Amino acid sequence: MAITLENVGIAVRDIEAAIDFFTDLGLTVVGRDTISGDWADTAVGLDGNHAKIAILQTPDGRGQLEFFEYLHPDAIETEPTLPNEIGMHRVAFGVDDIEASLAIAARHGCHPLRGVANYAGVYKLCYLRGPSGIIVMLAQNLQER
């Protein structure tokens, strides 16, 4: 049986803020829509499901994120997850210049949770909170120079 990863879906409170942040980091919007109807109710398991969606793709074409902002039923606000909580944890991106990526994130008010770490001279990496509290890991491979 063949299997492929299509995308990672993330509910956000403000789809435009999520799009702005991730397109600034280098992703591209490859689709947008507003979805509703019986098919959406069935697929998602929510009656009256109505949401704005956007699919963003990494420059290499291998990774996609799907953001959805619920119009109905109302979105449920929760506390942002912590790095050690069970469940959806983070979205990780390899970047060629972590400082430049962090400068972009800072323009959106997003900063490392603690700082930039150096893992055995192989990676510089950090976690930060993106839009809607999404944990984003940025990692620069120091061996690829």
N, C-alpha and C. Protein backbone atom coordinates (compact mmCIF):
# COMPACT_ATOMS: atom_id res chain seq x y z
N MET A 1 0.84 -1.18 0.00
CA MET A 1 0.00 0.00 0.00
C MET A 1 0.88 1.24 0.00
N ALA A 2 0.66 2.14 -0.93
CA ALA A 2 1.42 3.39 -0.99
C ALA A 2 0.77 4.45 -0.12
N ILE A 3 1.59 5.30 0.46
CA ILE A 3 1.08 6.40 1.28
C ILE A 3 1.99 7.61 1.08
N THR A 4 1.38 8.78 1.01
CA THR A 4 2.13 10.03 0.91
C THR A 4 1.54 11.02 1.89
N LEU A 5 2.35 11.93 2.38
CA LEU A 5 1.89 13.00 3.24
C LEU A 5 1.42 14.14 2.35
N GLU A 6 0.15 14.50 2.46
CA GLU A 6 -0.41 15.58 1.64
C GLU A 6 -0.11 16.94 2.24
N ASN A 7 -0.43 17.14 3.52
CA ASN A 7 -0.16 18.40 4.19
C ASN A 7 -0.36 18.25 5.67
N VAL A 8 -0.02 19.28 6.41
CA VAL A 8 -0.32 19.37 7.83
C VAL A 8 -1.34 20.48 7.98
N GLY A 9 -2.49 20.18 8.58
CA GLY A 9 -3.55 21.17 8.76
C GLY A 9 -3.46 21.82 10.12
N ILE A 10 -3.63 23.14 10.14
CA ILE A 10 -3.54 23.90 11.38
C ILE A 10 -4.68 24.92 11.42
N ALA A 11 -5.50 24.85 12.46
CA ALA A 11 -6.55 25.85 12.67
C ALA A 11 -5.91 27.12 13.22
N VAL A 12 -6.27 28.25 12.64
CA VAL A 12 -5.70 29.54 13.05
C VAL A 12 -6.82 30.52 13.35
N ARG A 13 -6.52 31.52 14.18
CA ARG A 13 -7.54 32.52 14.48
C ARG A 13 -7.61 33.58 13.40
N ASP A 14 -6.50 33.80 12.68
CA ASP A 14 -6.45 34.83 11.63
C ASP A 14 -5.66 34.28 10.45
N ILE A 15 -6.38 33.85 9.42
CA ILE A 15 -5.73 33.20 8.28
C ILE A 15 -4.79 34.15 7.55
N GLU A 16 -5.15 35.43 7.49
CA GLU A 16 -4.29 36.39 6.78
C GLU A 16 -2.96 36.57 7.51
N ALA A 17 -2.98 36.60 8.83
CA ALA A 17 -1.74 36.71 9.61
C ALA A 17 -0.87 35.49 9.40
N ALA A 18 -1.48 34.30 9.36
CA ALA A 18 -0.71 33.07 9.12
C ALA A 18 -0.11 33.08 7.72
N ILE A 19 -0.90 33.47 6.72
CA ILE A 19 -0.39 33.54 5.36
C ILE A 19 0.76 34.53 5.26
N ASP A 20 0.59 35.72 5.85
CA ASP A 20 1.64 36.74 5.79
C ASP A 20 2.95 36.23 6.40
N PHE A 21 2.86 35.61 7.57
CA PHE A 21 4.05 35.11 8.27
C PHE A 21 4.77 34.05 7.44
N PHE A 22 4.03 33.03 7.00
CA PHE A 22 4.68 31.91 6.32
C PHE A 22 5.12 32.25 4.89
N THR A 23 4.42 33.15 4.21
CA THR A 23 4.90 33.57 2.89
C THR A 23 6.16 34.42 3.04
N ASP A 24 6.24 35.22 4.10
CA ASP A 24 7.48 35.98 4.34
C ASP A 24 8.66 35.04 4.59
N LEU A 25 8.40 33.89 5.20
CA LEU A 25 9.47 32.91 5.42
C LEU A 25 9.84 32.17 4.13
N GLY A 26 9.01 32.27 3.09
CA GLY A 26 9.37 31.66 1.81
C GLY A 26 8.37 30.69 1.23
N LEU A 27 7.29 30.36 1.96
CA LEU A 27 6.28 29.48 1.40
C LEU A 27 5.44 30.24 0.39
N THR A 28 4.75 29.52 -0.47
CA THR A 28 3.91 30.11 -1.51
C THR A 28 2.48 29.61 -1.35
N VAL A 29 1.53 30.51 -1.51
CA VAL A 29 0.13 30.11 -1.49
C VAL A 29 -0.18 29.39 -2.80
N VAL A 30 -0.65 28.15 -2.71
CA VAL A 30 -1.00 27.39 -3.91
C VAL A 30 -2.50 27.17 -4.04
N GLY A 31 -3.26 27.58 -3.03
CA GLY A 31 -4.70 27.45 -3.11
C GLY A 31 -5.39 28.14 -1.95
N ARG A 32 -6.56 28.70 -2.25
CA ARG A 32 -7.40 29.33 -1.23
C ARG A 32 -8.84 29.02 -1.57
N ASP A 33 -9.67 28.90 -0.55
CA ASP A 33 -11.08 28.65 -0.79
C ASP A 33 -11.84 28.92 0.49
N THR A 34 -13.16 28.97 0.37
CA THR A 34 -14.06 28.94 1.52
C THR A 34 -14.89 27.69 1.33
N ILE A 35 -14.89 26.86 2.34
CA ILE A 35 -15.54 25.56 2.21
C ILE A 35 -16.74 25.44 3.15
N SER A 36 -17.76 24.72 2.69
CA SER A 36 -18.92 24.41 3.51
C SER A 36 -19.74 23.37 2.75
N GLY A 37 -20.77 22.87 3.38
CA GLY A 37 -21.65 21.91 2.73
C GLY A 37 -21.58 20.54 3.36
N ASP A 38 -22.45 19.66 2.87
CA ASP A 38 -22.53 18.30 3.43
C ASP A 38 -21.19 17.58 3.36
N TRP A 39 -20.48 17.73 2.23
CA TRP A 39 -19.20 17.03 2.08
C TRP A 39 -18.22 17.47 3.16
N ALA A 40 -18.20 18.79 3.45
CA ALA A 40 -17.27 19.31 4.47
C ALA A 40 -17.69 18.83 5.86
N ASP A 41 -18.99 18.82 6.13
CA ASP A 41 -19.48 18.32 7.43
C ASP A 41 -19.05 16.87 7.63
N THR A 42 -19.21 16.07 6.57
CA THR A 42 -18.87 14.65 6.65
C THR A 42 -17.37 14.44 6.81
N ALA A 43 -16.58 15.12 5.98
CA ALA A 43 -15.13 14.92 6.01
C ALA A 43 -14.53 15.33 7.35
N VAL A 44 -14.98 16.46 7.88
CA VAL A 44 -14.36 17.02 9.09
C VAL A 44 -15.05 16.51 10.36
N GLY A 45 -16.32 16.15 10.26
CA GLY A 45 -17.04 15.66 11.43
C GLY A 45 -17.67 16.76 12.25
N LEU A 46 -17.94 17.92 11.63
CA LEU A 46 -18.58 19.04 12.32
C LEU A 46 -19.80 19.47 11.52
N ASP A 47 -20.97 19.53 12.17
CA ASP A 47 -22.17 20.01 11.48
C ASP A 47 -22.06 21.51 11.25
N GLY A 48 -22.45 21.93 10.05
CA GLY A 48 -22.40 23.35 9.71
C GLY A 48 -21.00 23.87 9.49
N ASN A 49 -20.06 22.98 9.20
CA ASN A 49 -18.66 23.36 9.01
C ASN A 49 -18.55 24.40 7.89
N HIS A 50 -17.95 25.53 8.20
CA HIS A 50 -17.75 26.60 7.23
C HIS A 50 -16.43 27.26 7.59
N ALA A 51 -15.47 27.24 6.67
CA ALA A 51 -14.14 27.74 6.99
C ALA A 51 -13.47 28.34 5.77
N LYS A 52 -12.59 29.29 6.02
CA LYS A 52 -11.67 29.78 5.00
C LYS A 52 -10.45 28.87 5.08
N ILE A 53 -9.93 28.45 3.92
CA ILE A 53 -8.73 27.62 3.92
C ILE A 53 -7.69 28.21 2.98
N ALA A 54 -6.45 27.89 3.26
CA ALA A 54 -5.34 28.26 2.38
C ALA A 54 -4.30 27.16 2.46
N ILE A 55 -3.75 26.79 1.32
CA ILE A 55 -2.68 25.80 1.28
C ILE A 55 -1.40 26.51 0.83
N LEU A 56 -0.35 26.34 1.62
CA LEU A 56 0.95 26.94 1.32
C LEU A 56 1.96 25.83 1.11
N GLN A 57 2.89 26.07 0.21
CA GLN A 57 3.88 25.06 -0.17
C GLN A 57 5.29 25.59 0.02
N THR A 58 6.18 24.70 0.43
CA THR A 58 7.59 25.06 0.55
C THR A 58 8.20 25.24 -0.84
N PRO A 59 9.28 26.01 -0.95
CA PRO A 59 9.88 26.26 -2.27
C PRO A 59 10.29 25.00 -3.01
N ASP A 60 10.67 23.95 -2.29
CA ASP A 60 11.08 22.71 -2.96
C ASP A 60 9.89 21.87 -3.43
N GLY A 61 8.68 22.29 -3.08
CA GLY A 61 7.48 21.58 -3.51
C GLY A 61 7.16 20.34 -2.73
N ARG A 62 7.94 20.03 -1.69
CA ARG A 62 7.77 18.77 -0.97
C ARG A 62 6.89 18.88 0.26
N GLY A 63 6.70 20.08 0.79
CA GLY A 63 5.93 20.23 2.02
C GLY A 63 4.79 21.22 1.86
N GLN A 64 3.66 20.92 2.48
CA GLN A 64 2.52 21.83 2.44
C GLN A 64 1.89 21.96 3.82
N LEU A 65 1.43 23.17 4.10
CA LEU A 65 0.62 23.45 5.28
C LEU A 65 -0.75 23.88 4.79
N GLU A 66 -1.80 23.41 5.46
CA GLU A 66 -3.15 23.89 5.18
C GLU A 66 -3.65 24.61 6.42
N PHE A 67 -3.97 25.88 6.25
CA PHE A 67 -4.52 26.67 7.34
C PHE A 67 -6.02 26.76 7.16
N PHE A 68 -6.75 26.72 8.27
CA PHE A 68 -8.18 26.93 8.19
C PHE A 68 -8.61 27.83 9.33
N GLU A 69 -9.44 28.82 8.96
CA GLU A 69 -10.03 29.74 9.93
C GLU A 69 -11.52 29.44 9.96
N TYR A 70 -12.01 28.94 11.09
CA TYR A 70 -13.41 28.56 11.17
C TYR A 70 -14.31 29.78 11.25
N LEU A 71 -15.32 29.77 10.39
CA LEU A 71 -16.38 30.77 10.43
C LEU A 71 -17.57 30.21 11.21
N HIS A 72 -17.77 28.88 11.10
CA HIS A 72 -18.80 28.17 11.87
C HIS A 72 -18.41 26.71 11.93
N PRO A 73 -18.54 26.02 13.02
CA PRO A 73 -18.84 26.58 14.32
C PRO A 73 -17.71 27.49 14.78
N ASP A 74 -17.98 28.28 15.81
CA ASP A 74 -16.96 29.19 16.31
C ASP A 74 -15.69 28.43 16.68
N ALA A 75 -14.57 29.05 16.39
CA ALA A 75 -13.28 28.47 16.79
C ALA A 75 -13.20 28.46 18.31
N ILE A 76 -12.52 27.47 18.83
CA ILE A 76 -12.35 27.34 20.28
C ILE A 76 -10.92 27.75 20.62
N GLU A 77 -10.79 28.80 21.41
CA GLU A 77 -9.46 29.25 21.83
C GLU A 77 -8.93 28.31 22.92
N THR A 78 -7.68 27.92 22.78
CA THR A 78 -7.02 27.11 23.79
C THR A 78 -5.69 27.76 24.10
N GLU A 79 -5.08 27.33 25.16
CA GLU A 79 -3.74 27.82 25.49
C GLU A 79 -2.77 27.26 24.46
N PRO A 80 -1.78 28.04 24.07
CA PRO A 80 -0.76 27.49 23.15
C PRO A 80 -0.10 26.26 23.77
N THR A 81 0.18 25.25 22.94
CA THR A 81 0.83 24.05 23.44
C THR A 81 2.24 24.36 23.90
N LEU A 82 2.70 23.57 24.82
CA LEU A 82 4.08 23.66 25.31
C LEU A 82 4.90 22.60 24.58
N PRO A 83 6.20 22.80 24.48
CA PRO A 83 7.03 21.84 23.75
C PRO A 83 6.94 20.40 24.25
N ASN A 84 6.55 20.19 25.52
CA ASN A 84 6.51 18.82 26.05
C ASN A 84 5.10 18.25 26.16
N GLU A 85 4.09 18.91 25.56
CA GLU A 85 2.72 18.39 25.61
C GLU A 85 2.51 17.32 24.55
N ILE A 86 1.66 16.35 24.88
CA ILE A 86 1.30 15.30 23.95
C ILE A 86 0.37 15.89 22.89
N GLY A 87 0.54 15.46 21.65
CA GLY A 87 -0.31 15.93 20.56
C GLY A 87 0.51 16.64 19.51
N MET A 88 -0.17 17.38 18.64
CA MET A 88 0.51 18.13 17.58
C MET A 88 1.54 19.03 18.22
N HIS A 89 2.77 18.92 17.77
CA HIS A 89 3.85 19.59 18.47
C HIS A 89 4.35 20.84 17.77
N ARG A 90 4.87 20.70 16.56
CA ARG A 90 5.48 21.83 15.89
C ARG A 90 5.57 21.59 14.40
N VAL A 91 5.88 22.66 13.69
CA VAL A 91 6.19 22.58 12.28
C VAL A 91 7.65 22.98 12.17
N ALA A 92 8.46 22.17 11.47
CA ALA A 92 9.90 22.42 11.38
C ALA A 92 10.28 22.76 9.95
N PHE A 93 11.17 23.75 9.83
CA PHE A 93 11.67 24.16 8.52
C PHE A 93 13.18 24.22 8.54
N GLY A 94 13.79 23.68 7.52
CA GLY A 94 15.22 23.88 7.30
C GLY A 94 15.38 25.20 6.57
N VAL A 95 16.29 26.03 7.04
CA VAL A 95 16.54 27.34 6.42
C VAL A 95 18.02 27.46 6.11
N ASP A 96 18.36 28.28 5.14
CA ASP A 96 19.78 28.43 4.82
C ASP A 96 20.44 29.55 5.61
N ASP A 97 19.65 30.40 6.28
CA ASP A 97 20.19 31.50 7.08
C ASP A 97 19.24 31.76 8.24
N ILE A 98 19.55 31.18 9.40
CA ILE A 98 18.63 31.28 10.53
C ILE A 98 18.47 32.72 11.02
N GLU A 99 19.55 33.51 10.96
CA GLU A 99 19.44 34.90 11.42
C GLU A 99 18.49 35.70 10.52
N ALA A 100 18.58 35.50 9.21
CA ALA A 100 17.67 36.18 8.29
C ALA A 100 16.23 35.72 8.53
N SER A 101 16.04 34.42 8.77
CA SER A 101 14.70 33.90 9.04
C SER A 101 14.14 34.46 10.34
N LEU A 102 14.98 34.60 11.35
CA LEU A 102 14.54 35.16 12.62
C LEU A 102 14.21 36.65 12.48
N ALA A 103 14.93 37.35 11.63
CA ALA A 103 14.61 38.77 11.37
C ALA A 103 13.23 38.89 10.74
N ILE A 104 12.91 37.98 9.82
CA ILE A 104 11.57 37.97 9.20
C ILE A 104 10.52 37.68 10.27
N ALA A 105 10.76 36.67 11.09
CA ALA A 105 9.82 36.32 12.15
C ALA A 105 9.61 37.50 13.11
N ALA A 106 10.67 38.20 13.44
CA ALA A 106 10.59 39.33 14.37
C ALA A 106 9.69 40.43 13.82
N ARG A 107 9.69 40.61 12.50
CA ARG A 107 8.79 41.62 11.91
C ARG A 107 7.33 41.29 12.16
N HIS A 108 7.05 40.03 12.48
CA HIS A 108 5.69 39.59 12.80
C HIS A 108 5.48 39.46 14.31
N GLY A 109 6.44 39.95 15.09
CA GLY A 109 6.34 39.86 16.54
C GLY A 109 6.64 38.49 17.10
N CYS A 110 7.35 37.66 16.33
CA CYS A 110 7.65 36.28 16.74
C CYS A 110 9.13 36.15 17.02
N HIS A 111 9.46 35.65 18.21
CA HIS A 111 10.85 35.57 18.65
C HIS A 111 11.13 34.18 19.24
N PRO A 112 12.40 33.76 19.26
CA PRO A 112 12.72 32.45 19.83
C PRO A 112 12.18 32.31 21.26
N LEU A 113 11.76 31.09 21.60
CA LEU A 113 11.28 30.85 22.96
C LEU A 113 12.38 31.09 23.98
N ARG A 114 13.61 30.72 23.64
CA ARG A 114 14.72 30.95 24.55
C ARG A 114 15.94 31.51 23.85
N GLY A 115 16.24 31.07 22.67
CA GLY A 115 17.41 31.53 21.94
C GLY A 115 17.74 30.55 20.83
N VAL A 116 18.87 30.78 20.20
CA VAL A 116 19.32 29.89 19.12
C VAL A 116 20.37 28.95 19.70
N ALA A 117 20.15 27.66 19.50
CA ALA A 117 21.05 26.65 20.03
C ALA A 117 21.95 26.12 18.92
N ASN A 118 23.10 25.62 19.32
CA ASN A 118 24.01 24.97 18.37
C ASN A 118 24.08 23.50 18.76
N TYR A 119 23.58 22.63 17.86
CA TYR A 119 23.58 21.20 18.12
C TYR A 119 24.82 20.58 17.51
N ALA A 120 25.82 20.35 18.35
CA ALA A 120 27.04 19.61 18.00
C ALA A 120 27.73 20.15 16.74
N GLY A 121 27.61 21.44 16.48
CA GLY A 121 28.24 22.01 15.31
C GLY A 121 27.59 21.58 14.00
N VAL A 122 26.44 20.90 14.08
CA VAL A 122 25.75 20.39 12.90
C VAL A 122 24.57 21.30 12.52
N TYR A 123 23.81 21.75 13.52
CA TYR A 123 22.65 22.61 13.29
C TYR A 123 22.65 23.79 14.25
N LYS A 124 22.20 24.93 13.76
CA LYS A 124 21.75 26.02 14.61
C LYS A 124 20.23 25.95 14.53
N LEU A 125 19.56 25.93 15.69
CA LEU A 125 18.12 25.78 15.66
C LEU A 125 17.45 26.47 16.83
N CYS A 126 16.17 26.75 16.64
CA CYS A 126 15.38 27.34 17.72
C CYS A 126 13.91 27.08 17.47
N TYR A 127 13.13 27.21 18.54
CA TYR A 127 11.68 27.19 18.48
C TYR A 127 11.20 28.62 18.66
N LEU A 128 10.13 28.97 17.96
CA LEU A 128 9.48 30.26 18.19
C LEU A 128 7.98 30.06 18.07
N ARG A 129 7.23 31.03 18.55
CA ARG A 129 5.78 30.99 18.41
C ARG A 129 5.38 31.84 17.23
N GLY A 130 4.72 31.22 16.27
CA GLY A 130 4.21 31.93 15.11
C GLY A 130 2.78 32.39 15.36
N PRO A 131 2.07 32.77 14.30
CA PRO A 131 0.68 33.19 14.44
C PRO A 131 -0.17 32.11 15.10
N SER A 132 -1.14 32.53 15.87
CA SER A 132 -2.06 31.63 16.59
C SER A 132 -1.33 30.68 17.54
N GLY A 133 -0.12 31.05 17.96
CA GLY A 133 0.63 30.24 18.92
C GLY A 133 1.31 29.02 18.33
N ILE A 134 1.33 28.89 17.00
CA ILE A 134 1.95 27.74 16.35
C ILE A 134 3.43 27.69 16.71
N ILE A 135 3.91 26.55 17.19
CA ILE A 135 5.34 26.40 17.45
C ILE A 135 6.03 26.09 16.12
N VAL A 136 7.00 26.92 15.78
CA VAL A 136 7.75 26.77 14.54
C VAL A 136 9.21 26.52 14.91
N MET A 137 9.80 25.47 14.37
CA MET A 137 11.23 25.22 14.55
C MET A 137 11.94 25.66 13.28
N LEU A 138 12.99 26.42 13.45
CA LEU A 138 13.86 26.80 12.34
C LEU A 138 15.21 26.14 12.58
N ALA A 139 15.77 25.51 11.55
CA ALA A 139 17.04 24.81 11.70
C ALA A 139 17.92 25.10 10.47
N GLN A 140 19.13 25.54 10.76
CA GLN A 140 20.12 25.76 9.70
C GLN A 140 21.18 24.70 9.79
N ASN A 141 21.33 23.92 8.72
CA ASN A 141 22.33 22.87 8.67
C ASN A 141 23.70 23.54 8.46
N LEU A 142 24.58 23.40 9.43
CA LEU A 142 25.91 24.04 9.34
C LEU A 142 26.88 23.23 8.49
N GLN A 143 26.50 22.00 8.13
CA GLN A 143 27.36 21.15 7.32
C GLN A 143 27.18 21.45 5.81
N GLU A 144 26.09 22.14 5.46
CA GLU A 144 25.80 22.43 4.05
C GLU A 144 26.31 23.82 3.69
N ARG A 145 27.58 23.96 3.54
CA ARG A 145 28.14 25.27 3.19
C ARG A 145 28.95 25.18 1.96
